[in-house]
Amino acid sequence: MEKIAREKLVSKIVCVALAIILWLFVLYQENPSTTKTVRNVPLVITGEQALKESGFSVYSISEKSVDVGVSAKRLSLSRLSNRTLSAGINVSSIKKSGTYSLPATVSSAVDASAIYYVKGKDIKVVIEPIEKATYTVEPDILAPTDTSFFLDSYKLSKEKITVTAPRSIIKDISSVRTEEFIPEENSNEYTAKLVVYGKNGKILNGAQCSPEEIKISYLLHSVKEVPVVLSTTGGKTFPLPSGYTVKIRGNGDGFEKIDKIETEAINLSEYKEGAKITVKLKVPKEAKLLDKSNEMEVLLESEYYN
């Protein structure tokens, strides 16, 4: 009985093996055609250079990808995907602005003999004339991260630039700015890319700046905080309390030697003890006040009268 059971098992295995071999033989020898749908095949635009030479540009396109029906041999079909297929529309023959419905064509380097067709409607493309406009560049300069430095001045290598874009984009432009940048102490120049912004405050794509970037030269000043000293017409000076300080900026040895700022001389006899008066600050030519005001309110202490 065991011998008969083993023989039946062997027979079944042999039958299955022969069936697989026969299936593989038919598959590889006959290789029948079949169909499938490849979804989300990327859609590209061709002929844009010729379109631009005619003075026009693609403003918008209704689809970014398409679904493609494929009829091919079974073995080739397994290798066809949205990575091996490409779909495109050609705009080189268009000579006027307007909305066009264009058919997409499909190709593949995997199997040129396969049959492809795009599912759905033709692709709608909006064509607009290319226009130019001039804009003043707005620098987007941030304060140095190191608070011991101050941006004293800057200069743009080009203050006005030309923007080329489809008409709808040109009409929507609100400003052209440099990319954000932070001045650094070990440099005095930065090459900044130009960015086009729409009226909604967002970056506009599809606009080309000429030039695409400009140079920004700048000067940084050192910043330090120094105490204020009260000067009097009698020739005496009085260091003011610790709260009386000012921040100054500048460069060079002369600036580094400044360790205090004096007030203009006042006549104490003209004021009563305990009075609050406004005094002007005498800032050396090597420095500038970080605060634009050169005046300070001072409380006249009793010790100034002794």
C-alpha atoms as a PDB file:
ATOM      1  CA  MET A   1       0.000   0.000   0.000  1.00  0.00           C
ATOM      2  CA  GLU A   2       2.802   2.410   0.906  1.00  0.00           C
ATOM      3  CA  LYS A   3       4.507   1.649  -2.409  1.00  0.00           C
ATOM      4  CA  ILE A   4       1.323   2.464  -4.350  1.00  0.00           C
ATOM      5  CA  ALA A   5       0.871   5.733  -2.405  1.00  0.00           C
ATOM      6  CA  ARG A   6       4.451   6.794  -3.158  1.00  0.00           C
ATOM      7  CA  GLU A   7       3.976   6.011  -6.852  1.00  0.00           C
ATOM      8  CA  LYS A   8       0.798   8.157  -6.943  1.00  0.00           C
ATOM      9  CA  LEU A   9       2.615  11.043  -5.256  1.00  0.00           C
ATOM     10  CA  VAL A  10       5.471  10.832  -7.731  1.00  0.00           C
ATOM     11  CA  SER A  11       3.001  10.781 -10.604  1.00  0.00           C
ATOM     12  CA  LYS A  12       1.265  13.913  -9.315  1.00  0.00           C
ATOM     13  CA  ILE A  13       4.576  15.779  -8.947  1.00  0.00           C
ATOM     14  CA  VAL A  14       5.579  14.774 -12.462  1.00  0.00           C
ATOM     15  CA  CYS A  15       2.230  15.975 -13.842  1.00  0.00           C
ATOM     16  CA  VAL A  16       2.522  19.347 -12.119  1.00  0.00           C
ATOM     17  CA  ALA A  17       6.095  19.771 -13.351  1.00  0.00           C
ATOM     18  CA  LEU A  18       5.079  18.918 -16.917  1.00  0.00           C
ATOM     19  CA  ALA A  19       2.179  21.404 -16.717  1.00  0.00           C
ATOM     20  CA  ILE A  20       4.521  24.186 -15.566  1.00  0.00           C
ATOM     21  CA  ILE A  21       7.013  23.361 -18.293  1.00  0.00           C
ATOM     22  CA  LEU A  22       4.241  23.380 -20.897  1.00  0.00           C
ATOM     23  CA  TRP A  23       2.929  26.738 -19.591  1.00  0.00           C
ATOM     24  CA  LEU A  24       6.409  28.271 -19.740  1.00  0.00           C
ATOM     25  CA  PHE A  25       6.877  26.880 -23.240  1.00  0.00           C
ATOM     26  CA  VAL A  26       3.657  28.454 -24.461  1.00  0.00           C
ATOM     27  CA  LEU A  27       4.468  31.709 -22.671  1.00  0.00           C
ATOM     28  CA  TYR A  28       7.915  32.079 -24.180  1.00  0.00           C
ATOM     29  CA  GLN A  29       7.217  30.606 -27.579  1.00  0.00           C
ATOM     30  CA  GLU A  30       3.814  32.071 -28.249  1.00  0.00           C
ATOM     31  CA  ASN A  31       4.187  35.201 -26.031  1.00  0.00           C
ATOM     32  CA  PRO A  32       0.595  36.328 -26.615  1.00  0.00           C
ATOM     33  CA  SER A  33      -0.405  40.008 -26.678  1.00  0.00           C
ATOM     34  CA  THR A  34      -2.431  41.482 -23.863  1.00  0.00           C
ATOM     35  CA  THR A  35      -3.413  44.924 -22.577  1.00  0.00           C
ATOM     36  CA  LYS A  36      -3.152  46.982 -19.406  1.00  0.00           C
ATOM     37  CA  THR A  37      -3.471  50.560 -18.188  1.00  0.00           C
ATOM     38  CA  VAL A  38      -0.412  52.429 -16.953  1.00  0.00           C
ATOM     39  CA  ARG A  39      -1.500  55.261 -14.698  1.00  0.00           C
ATOM     40  CA  ASN A  40       0.145  58.624 -13.954  1.00  0.00           C
ATOM     41  CA  VAL A  41       2.587  58.713 -16.859  1.00  0.00           C
ATOM     42  CA  PRO A  42       4.410  62.098 -16.588  1.00  0.00           C
ATOM     43  CA  LEU A  43       3.424  64.624 -19.255  1.00  0.00           C
ATOM     44  CA  VAL A  44       6.105  66.852 -20.794  1.00  0.00           C
ATOM     45  CA  ILE A  45       5.908  69.796 -23.187  1.00  0.00           C
ATOM     46  CA  THR A  46       8.088  69.766 -26.285  1.00  0.00           C
ATOM     47  CA  GLY A  47       8.702  72.523 -28.821  1.00  0.00           C
ATOM     48  CA  GLU A  48       8.799  75.318 -26.226  1.00  0.00           C
ATOM     49  CA  GLN A  49      11.918  76.859 -27.729  1.00  0.00           C
ATOM     50  CA  ALA A  50      10.228  77.289 -31.111  1.00  0.00           C
ATOM     51  CA  LEU A  51       7.188  78.727 -29.324  1.00  0.00           C
ATOM     52  CA  LYS A  52       9.350  81.265 -27.494  1.00  0.00           C
ATOM     53  CA  GLU A  53      11.071  82.262 -30.730  1.00  0.00           C
ATOM     54  CA  SER A  54       7.597  83.146 -32.021  1.00  0.00           C
ATOM     55  CA  GLY A  55       7.080  85.386 -28.975  1.00  0.00           C
ATOM     56  CA  PHE A  56       4.782  83.119 -26.965  1.00  0.00           C
ATOM     57  CA  SER A  57       4.927  80.916 -23.896  1.00  0.00           C
ATOM     58  CA  VAL A  58       2.932  78.190 -22.158  1.00  0.00           C
ATOM     59  CA  TYR A  59       1.016  79.793 -19.311  1.00  0.00           C
ATOM     60  CA  SER A  60      -0.784  76.711 -18.007  1.00  0.00           C
ATOM     61  CA  ILE A  61      -1.504  73.064 -18.817  1.00  0.00           C
ATOM     62  CA  SER A  62      -4.577  71.116 -17.701  1.00  0.00           C
ATOM     63  CA  GLU A  63      -2.782  67.892 -16.735  1.00  0.00           C
ATOM     64  CA  LYS A  64       0.585  66.939 -15.297  1.00  0.00           C
ATOM     65  CA  SER A  65       0.210  63.228 -16.043  1.00  0.00           C
ATOM     66  CA  VAL A  66      -2.001  60.916 -18.116  1.00  0.00           C
ATOM     67  CA  ASP A  67      -3.241  57.335 -18.031  1.00  0.00           C
ATOM     68  CA  VAL A  68      -1.996  55.243 -20.949  1.00  0.00           C
ATOM     69  CA  GLY A  69      -3.530  52.104 -22.425  1.00  0.00           C
ATOM     70  CA  VAL A  70      -0.906  49.631 -23.652  1.00  0.00           C
ATOM     71  CA  SER A  71      -1.237  46.601 -25.921  1.00  0.00           C
ATOM     72  CA  ALA A  72       1.940  44.540 -26.077  1.00  0.00           C
ATOM     73  CA  LYS A  73       3.431  41.093 -25.779  1.00  0.00           C
ATOM     74  CA  ARG A  74       3.048  39.710 -22.297  1.00  0.00           C
ATOM     75  CA  LEU A  75       6.776  39.679 -21.568  1.00  0.00           C
ATOM     76  CA  SER A  76       7.203  43.305 -22.677  1.00  0.00           C
ATOM     77  CA  LEU A  77       4.088  44.419 -20.856  1.00  0.00           C
ATOM     78  CA  SER A  78       5.554  43.562 -17.481  1.00  0.00           C
ATOM     79  CA  ARG A  79       8.352  46.056 -18.075  1.00  0.00           C
ATOM     80  CA  LEU A  80       6.104  48.958 -19.037  1.00  0.00           C
ATOM     81  CA  SER A  81       5.340  51.410 -16.211  1.00  0.00           C
ATOM     82  CA  ASN A  82       5.101  55.156 -15.584  1.00  0.00           C
ATOM     83  CA  ARG A  83       8.877  55.090 -15.232  1.00  0.00           C
ATOM     84  CA  THR A  84       9.565  53.552 -18.629  1.00  0.00           C
ATOM     85  CA  LEU A  85       6.836  55.422 -20.540  1.00  0.00           C
ATOM     86  CA  SER A  86       6.748  59.103 -21.440  1.00  0.00           C
ATOM     87  CA  ALA A  87       3.923  61.244 -22.772  1.00  0.00           C
ATOM     88  CA  GLY A  88       4.256  64.616 -24.443  1.00  0.00           C
ATOM     89  CA  ILE A  89       2.480  67.394 -26.300  1.00  0.00           C
ATOM     90  CA  ASN A  90       4.160  69.495 -28.983  1.00  0.00           C
ATOM     91  CA  VAL A  91       3.537  73.251 -29.055  1.00  0.00           C
ATOM     92  CA  SER A  92       6.103  74.227 -31.711  1.00  0.00           C
ATOM     93  CA  SER A  93       3.507  74.891 -34.420  1.00  0.00           C
ATOM     94  CA  ILE A  94       1.421  77.356 -32.372  1.00  0.00           C
ATOM     95  CA  LYS A  95       1.692  80.950 -33.595  1.00  0.00           C
ATOM     96  CA  LYS A  96      -1.081  82.725 -31.678  1.00  0.00           C
ATOM     97  CA  SER A  97      -2.162  83.137 -28.073  1.00  0.00           C
ATOM     98  CA  GLY A  98      -5.238  81.273 -26.896  1.00  0.00           C
ATOM     99  CA  THR A  99      -6.424  77.964 -25.419  1.00  0.00           C
ATOM    100  CA  TYR A 100      -5.596  74.814 -27.391  1.00  0.00           C
ATOM    101  CA  SER A 101      -6.613  71.162 -27.014  1.00  0.00           C
ATOM    102  CA  LEU A 102      -3.651  69.012 -28.023  1.00  0.00           C
ATOM    103  CA  PRO A 103      -3.321  65.232 -28.247  1.00  0.00           C
ATOM    104  CA  ALA A 104      -0.591  63.587 -26.200  1.00  0.00           C
ATOM    105  CA  THR A 105       1.754  61.068 -27.790  1.00  0.00           C
ATOM    106  CA  VAL A 106       3.363  58.188 -25.912  1.00  0.00           C
ATOM    107  CA  SER A 107       6.719  56.521 -26.411  1.00  0.00           C
ATOM    108  CA  SER A 108       8.921  54.034 -24.635  1.00  0.00           C
ATOM    109  CA  ALA A 109      12.470  52.790 -25.002  1.00  0.00           C
ATOM    110  CA  VAL A 110      11.399  49.379 -23.671  1.00  0.00           C
ATOM    111  CA  ASP A 111       9.125  48.249 -26.516  1.00  0.00           C
ATOM    112  CA  ALA A 112       8.690  50.366 -29.642  1.00  0.00           C
ATOM    113  CA  SER A 113       6.356  47.776 -31.191  1.00  0.00           C
ATOM    114  CA  ALA A 114       3.710  48.129 -28.509  1.00  0.00           C
ATOM    115  CA  ILE A 115       0.496  50.039 -29.179  1.00  0.00           C
ATOM    116  CA  TYR A 116      -0.146  53.032 -26.902  1.00  0.00           C
ATOM    117  CA  TYR A 117      -3.135  55.305 -26.539  1.00  0.00           C
ATOM    118  CA  VAL A 118      -3.889  58.060 -24.030  1.00  0.00           C
ATOM    119  CA  LYS A 119      -7.082  57.613 -22.077  1.00  0.00           C
ATOM    120  CA  GLY A 120      -9.351  60.601 -21.528  1.00  0.00           C
ATOM    121  CA  LYS A 121      -9.603  63.959 -23.286  1.00  0.00           C
ATOM    122  CA  ASP A 122      -6.968  65.972 -25.116  1.00  0.00           C
ATOM    123  CA  ILE A 123      -4.709  68.230 -23.030  1.00  0.00           C
ATOM    124  CA  LYS A 124      -5.737  71.882 -22.718  1.00  0.00           C
ATOM    125  CA  VAL A 125      -2.866  74.339 -23.006  1.00  0.00           C
ATOM    126  CA  VAL A 126      -3.113  78.099 -22.489  1.00  0.00           C
ATOM    127  CA  ILE A 127      -0.687  80.078 -24.670  1.00  0.00           C
ATOM    128  CA  GLU A 128       0.095  83.723 -23.925  1.00  0.00           C
ATOM    129  CA  PRO A 129       2.399  86.312 -25.480  1.00  0.00           C
ATOM    130  CA  ILE A 130       5.713  86.878 -23.744  1.00  0.00           C
ATOM    131  CA  GLU A 131       6.088  90.368 -22.302  1.00  0.00           C
ATOM    132  CA  LYS A 132       8.827  92.313 -20.540  1.00  0.00           C
ATOM    133  CA  ALA A 133       8.675  94.788 -17.679  1.00  0.00           C
ATOM    134  CA  THR A 134      11.209  96.670 -15.569  1.00  0.00           C
ATOM    135  CA  TYR A 135      11.183  96.529 -11.760  1.00  0.00           C
ATOM    136  CA  THR A 136      13.199  98.091  -8.962  1.00  0.00           C
ATOM    137  CA  VAL A 137      14.948  95.462  -6.849  1.00  0.00           C
ATOM    138  CA  GLU A 138      13.996  95.383  -3.183  1.00  0.00           C
ATOM    139  CA  PRO A 139      16.829  93.981  -1.045  1.00  0.00           C
ATOM    140  CA  ASP A 140      15.766  91.509   1.643  1.00  0.00           C
ATOM    141  CA  ILE A 141      18.603  91.938   4.136  1.00  0.00           C
ATOM    142  CA  LEU A 142      18.311  90.574   7.661  1.00  0.00           C
ATOM    143  CA  ALA A 143      20.150  91.913  10.687  1.00  0.00           C
ATOM    144  CA  PRO A 144      23.481  90.223  11.509  1.00  0.00           C
ATOM    145  CA  THR A 145      23.014  87.284  13.879  1.00  0.00           C
ATOM    146  CA  ASP A 146      25.937  88.573  15.929  1.00  0.00           C
ATOM    147  CA  THR A 147      24.529  91.589  17.769  1.00  0.00           C
ATOM    148  CA  SER A 148      28.031  93.019  18.202  1.00  0.00           C
ATOM    149  CA  PHE A 149      27.815  94.076  14.533  1.00  0.00           C
ATOM    150  CA  PHE A 150      25.523  96.521  12.744  1.00  0.00           C
ATOM    151  CA  LEU A 151      24.734  96.887   9.038  1.00  0.00           C
ATOM    152  CA  ASP A 152      25.864 100.432   8.291  1.00  0.00           C
ATOM    153  CA  SER A 153      25.225 100.617   4.539  1.00  0.00           C
ATOM    154  CA  TYR A 154      24.752  98.541   1.393  1.00  0.00           C
ATOM    155  CA  LYS A 155      24.761  98.983  -2.380  1.00  0.00           C
ATOM    156  CA  LEU A 156      23.213  96.912  -5.178  1.00  0.00           C
ATOM    157  CA  SER A 157      25.215  96.167  -8.303  1.00  0.00           C
ATOM    158  CA  LYS A 158      21.992  96.700 -10.285  1.00  0.00           C
ATOM    159  CA  GLU A 159      18.934  98.500  -8.954  1.00  0.00           C
ATOM    160  CA  LYS A 160      16.564  97.868 -11.878  1.00  0.00           C
ATOM    161  CA  ILE A 161      16.094  94.571 -13.695  1.00  0.00           C
ATOM    162  CA  THR A 162      13.957  93.191 -16.518  1.00  0.00           C
ATOM    163  CA  VAL A 163      11.400  90.424 -15.999  1.00  0.00           C
ATOM    164  CA  THR A 164      10.252  88.289 -18.939  1.00  0.00           C
ATOM    165  CA  ALA A 165       7.085  86.205 -18.515  1.00  0.00           C
ATOM    166  CA  PRO A 166       3.666  85.401 -19.977  1.00  0.00           C
ATOM    167  CA  ARG A 167       1.243  88.338 -19.870  1.00  0.00           C
ATOM    168  CA  SER A 168      -0.823  86.994 -16.937  1.00  0.00           C
ATOM    169  CA  ILE A 169       2.281  86.627 -14.788  1.00  0.00           C
ATOM    170  CA  ILE A 170       3.530  90.108 -15.651  1.00  0.00           C
ATOM    171  CA  LYS A 171       0.168  91.556 -14.577  1.00  0.00           C
ATOM    172  CA  ASP A 172       0.342  89.694 -11.257  1.00  0.00           C
ATOM    173  CA  ILE A 173       3.846  90.796 -10.231  1.00  0.00           C
ATOM    174  CA  SER A 174       3.972  92.975  -7.117  1.00  0.00           C
ATOM    175  CA  SER A 175       7.710  93.083  -6.469  1.00  0.00           C
ATOM    176  CA  VAL A 176      11.130  91.657  -7.280  1.00  0.00           C
ATOM    177  CA  ARG A 177      13.311  91.027  -4.244  1.00  0.00           C
ATOM    178  CA  THR A 178      16.624  89.504  -3.463  1.00  0.00           C
ATOM    179  CA  GLU A 179      16.624  86.248  -1.578  1.00  0.00           C
ATOM    180  CA  GLU A 180      16.994  86.690   2.175  1.00  0.00           C
ATOM    181  CA  PHE A 181      20.561  86.903   3.392  1.00  0.00           C
ATOM    182  CA  ILE A 182      22.399  87.745   6.589  1.00  0.00           C
ATOM    183  CA  PRO A 183      25.558  89.909   6.349  1.00  0.00           C
ATOM    184  CA  GLU A 184      28.647  88.260   7.819  1.00  0.00           C
ATOM    185  CA  GLU A 185      31.571  89.980   9.480  1.00  0.00           C
ATOM    186  CA  ASN A 186      34.210  88.151   7.422  1.00  0.00           C
ATOM    187  CA  SER A 187      32.795  89.378   4.103  1.00  0.00           C
ATOM    188  CA  ASN A 188      31.583  92.587   2.499  1.00  0.00           C
ATOM    189  CA  GLU A 189      29.774  91.229  -0.569  1.00  0.00           C
ATOM    190  CA  TYR A 190      27.017  88.737  -1.299  1.00  0.00           C
ATOM    191  CA  THR A 191      25.637  87.382  -4.584  1.00  0.00           C
ATOM    192  CA  ALA A 192      21.865  87.140  -4.205  1.00  0.00           C
ATOM    193  CA  LYS A 193      19.354  85.430  -6.468  1.00  0.00           C
ATOM    194  CA  LEU A 194      16.312  87.447  -7.490  1.00  0.00           C
ATOM    195  CA  VAL A 195      12.816  86.273  -6.555  1.00  0.00           C
ATOM    196  CA  VAL A 196       9.553  87.425  -8.162  1.00  0.00           C
ATOM    197  CA  TYR A 197       6.505  87.838  -5.885  1.00  0.00           C
ATOM    198  CA  GLY A 198       2.834  88.025  -6.830  1.00  0.00           C
ATOM    199  CA  LYS A 199       0.162  90.307  -5.433  1.00  0.00           C
ATOM    200  CA  ASN A 200      -0.803  87.583  -2.938  1.00  0.00           C
ATOM    201  CA  GLY A 201       2.691  87.744  -1.425  1.00  0.00           C
ATOM    202  CA  LYS A 202       3.734  84.337  -2.744  1.00  0.00           C
ATOM    203  CA  ILE A 203       6.585  83.486  -5.123  1.00  0.00           C
ATOM    204  CA  LEU A 204       5.587  83.532  -8.797  1.00  0.00           C
ATOM    205  CA  ASN A 205       6.878  80.717 -10.992  1.00  0.00           C
ATOM    206  CA  GLY A 206       7.317  81.167 -14.731  1.00  0.00           C
ATOM    207  CA  ALA A 207       9.023  84.566 -14.620  1.00  0.00           C
ATOM    208  CA  GLN A 208      12.633  85.042 -15.678  1.00  0.00           C
ATOM    209  CA  CYS A 209      14.768  87.866 -14.317  1.00  0.00           C
ATOM    210  CA  SER A 210      17.592  89.435 -16.293  1.00  0.00           C
ATOM    211  CA  PRO A 211      20.043  89.285 -14.645  1.00  0.00           C
ATOM    212  CA  GLU A 212      19.030  86.333 -12.480  1.00  0.00           C
ATOM    213  CA  GLU A 213      21.202  87.501  -9.567  1.00  0.00           C
ATOM    214  CA  ILE A 214      22.917  90.654  -8.371  1.00  0.00           C
ATOM    215  CA  LYS A 215      25.727  91.509  -5.991  1.00  0.00           C
ATOM    216  CA  ILE A 216      25.132  93.335  -2.730  1.00  0.00           C
ATOM    217  CA  SER A 217      28.148  95.076  -1.248  1.00  0.00           C
ATOM    218  CA  TYR A 218      27.808  96.131   2.375  1.00  0.00           C
ATOM    219  CA  LEU A 219      29.640  97.600   5.341  1.00  0.00           C
ATOM    220  CA  LEU A 220      29.351  96.285   8.874  1.00  0.00           C
ATOM    221  CA  HIS A 221      30.163  98.327  11.979  1.00  0.00           C
ATOM    222  CA  SER A 222      31.228  96.986  15.343  1.00  0.00           C
ATOM    223  CA  VAL A 223      28.778  97.680  18.160  1.00  0.00           C
ATOM    224  CA  LYS A 224      29.552  98.214  21.839  1.00  0.00           C
ATOM    225  CA  GLU A 225      27.862  99.682  24.888  1.00  0.00           C
ATOM    226  CA  VAL A 226      29.663 102.401  26.856  1.00  0.00           C
ATOM    227  CA  PRO A 227      28.789 104.434  29.985  1.00  0.00           C
ATOM    228  CA  VAL A 228      27.743 108.093  29.889  1.00  0.00           C
ATOM    229  CA  VAL A 229      29.642 110.774  31.825  1.00  0.00           C
ATOM    230  CA  LEU A 230      28.039 114.088  32.851  1.00  0.00           C
ATOM    231  CA  SER A 231      30.206 117.130  31.972  1.00  0.00           C
ATOM    232  CA  THR A 232      29.857 120.513  33.641  1.00  0.00           C
ATOM    233  CA  THR A 233      30.951 124.046  32.747  1.00  0.00           C
ATOM    234  CA  GLY A 234      33.100 124.029  35.863  1.00  0.00           C
ATOM    235  CA  GLY A 235      35.330 121.383  34.283  1.00  0.00           C
ATOM    236  CA  LYS A 236      34.147 118.534  36.478  1.00  0.00           C
ATOM    237  CA  THR A 237      32.796 115.242  35.173  1.00  0.00           C
ATOM    238  CA  PHE A 238      30.567 112.740  36.927  1.00  0.00           C
ATOM    239  CA  PRO A 239      30.078 109.126  35.882  1.00  0.00           C
ATOM    240  CA  LEU A 240      26.339 108.540  35.694  1.00  0.00           C
ATOM    241  CA  PRO A 241      24.743 105.487  37.365  1.00  0.00           C
ATOM    242  CA  SER A 242      24.985 102.111  35.641  1.00  0.00           C
ATOM    243  CA  GLY A 243      21.649 102.527  33.863  1.00  0.00           C
ATOM    244  CA  TYR A 244      23.001 105.439  31.824  1.00  0.00           C
ATOM    245  CA  THR A 245      24.687 103.750  28.874  1.00  0.00           C
ATOM    246  CA  VAL A 246      24.507 104.084  25.094  1.00  0.00           C
ATOM    247  CA  LYS A 247      25.316 101.766  22.229  1.00  0.00           C
ATOM    248  CA  ILE A 248      27.701 103.069  19.595  1.00  0.00           C
ATOM    249  CA  ARG A 249      28.927 101.685  16.294  1.00  0.00           C
ATOM    250  CA  GLY A 250      32.032 102.213  14.226  1.00  0.00           C
ATOM    251  CA  ASN A 251      35.311 100.701  13.040  1.00  0.00           C
ATOM    252  CA  GLY A 252      39.028 101.253  13.420  1.00  0.00           C
ATOM    253  CA  ASP A 253      41.455 101.995  16.233  1.00  0.00           C
ATOM    254  CA  GLY A 254      39.773 105.287  17.113  1.00  0.00           C
ATOM    255  CA  PHE A 255      36.493 103.513  17.716  1.00  0.00           C
ATOM    256  CA  GLU A 256      38.119 100.776  19.779  1.00  0.00           C
ATOM    257  CA  LYS A 257      39.654 103.376  22.133  1.00  0.00           C
ATOM    258  CA  ILE A 258      36.286 104.938  23.009  1.00  0.00           C
ATOM    259  CA  ASP A 259      35.343 103.765  26.502  1.00  0.00           C
ATOM    260  CA  LYS A 260      32.751 106.410  27.439  1.00  0.00           C
ATOM    261  CA  ILE A 261      30.540 109.130  26.011  1.00  0.00           C
ATOM    262  CA  GLU A 262      30.407 112.578  27.629  1.00  0.00           C
ATOM    263  CA  THR A 263      27.473 114.949  27.678  1.00  0.00           C
ATOM    264  CA  GLU A 264      27.745 118.515  26.528  1.00  0.00           C
ATOM    265  CA  ALA A 265      28.800 120.689  29.485  1.00  0.00           C
ATOM    266  CA  ILE A 266      25.948 121.977  31.622  1.00  0.00           C
ATOM    267  CA  ASN A 267      25.896 124.751  34.213  1.00  0.00           C
ATOM    268  CA  LEU A 268      24.725 123.093  37.432  1.00  0.00           C
ATOM    269  CA  SER A 269      23.884 126.475  38.981  1.00  0.00           C
ATOM    270  CA  GLU A 270      20.995 126.790  36.544  1.00  0.00           C
ATOM    271  CA  TYR A 271      19.272 123.675  37.914  1.00  0.00           C
ATOM    272  CA  LYS A 272      18.073 122.544  41.286  1.00  0.00           C
ATOM    273  CA  GLU A 273      19.310 119.386  42.925  1.00  0.00           C
ATOM    274  CA  GLY A 274      17.081 116.413  41.996  1.00  0.00           C
ATOM    275  CA  ALA A 275      15.898 117.991  38.759  1.00  0.00           C
ATOM    276  CA  LYS A 276      15.477 115.941  35.602  1.00  0.00           C
ATOM    277  CA  ILE A 277      17.045 117.607  32.578  1.00  0.00           C
ATOM    278  CA  THR A 278      17.672 116.649  28.972  1.00  0.00           C
ATOM    279  CA  VAL A 279      21.310 116.762  27.933  1.00  0.00           C
ATOM    280  CA  LYS A 280      22.968 116.267  24.569  1.00  0.00           C
ATOM    281  CA  LEU A 281      25.662 113.674  24.002  1.00  0.00           C
ATOM    282  CA  LYS A 282      29.070 114.489  22.536  1.00  0.00           C
ATOM    283  CA  VAL A 283      29.746 111.564  20.177  1.00  0.00           C
ATOM    284  CA  PRO A 284      33.313 111.345  18.791  1.00  0.00           C
ATOM    285  CA  LYS A 285      33.628 111.441  15.007  1.00  0.00           C
ATOM    286  CA  GLU A 286      34.900 107.844  15.023  1.00  0.00           C
ATOM    287  CA  ALA A 287      31.515 106.596  16.269  1.00  0.00           C
ATOM    288  CA  LYS A 288      27.784 106.877  15.719  1.00  0.00           C
ATOM    289  CA  LEU A 289      24.944 106.258  18.105  1.00  0.00           C
ATOM    290  CA  LEU A 290      23.004 103.090  17.448  1.00  0.00           C
ATOM    291  CA  ASP A 291      19.938 104.975  18.655  1.00  0.00           C
ATOM    292  CA  LYS A 292      19.281 107.942  16.378  1.00  0.00           C
ATOM    293  CA  SER A 293      18.567 110.255  19.305  1.00  0.00           C
ATOM    294  CA  ASN A 294      21.585 112.118  20.707  1.00  0.00           C
ATOM    295  CA  GLU A 295      19.771 113.302  23.822  1.00  0.00           C
ATOM    296  CA  MET A 296      19.311 111.717  27.220  1.00  0.00           C
ATOM    297  CA  GLU A 297      17.278 112.562  30.302  1.00  0.00           C
ATOM    298  CA  VAL A 298      19.450 112.799  33.436  1.00  0.00           C
ATOM    299  CA  LEU A 299      18.549 113.035  37.121  1.00  0.00           C
ATOM    300  CA  LEU A 300      20.804 115.541  38.905  1.00  0.00           C
ATOM    301  CA  GLU A 301      22.059 113.801  42.035  1.00  0.00           C
ATOM    302  CA  SER A 302      23.115 115.684  45.174  1.00  0.00           C
ATOM    303  CA  GLU A 303      26.719 114.518  44.814  1.00  0.00           C
ATOM    304  CA  TYR A 304      27.123 116.602  41.661  1.00  0.00           C
ATOM    305  CA  TYR A 305      26.755 119.784  43.781  1.00  0.00           C
ATOM    306  CA  ASN A 306      29.381 118.996  46.407  1.00  0.00           C
END
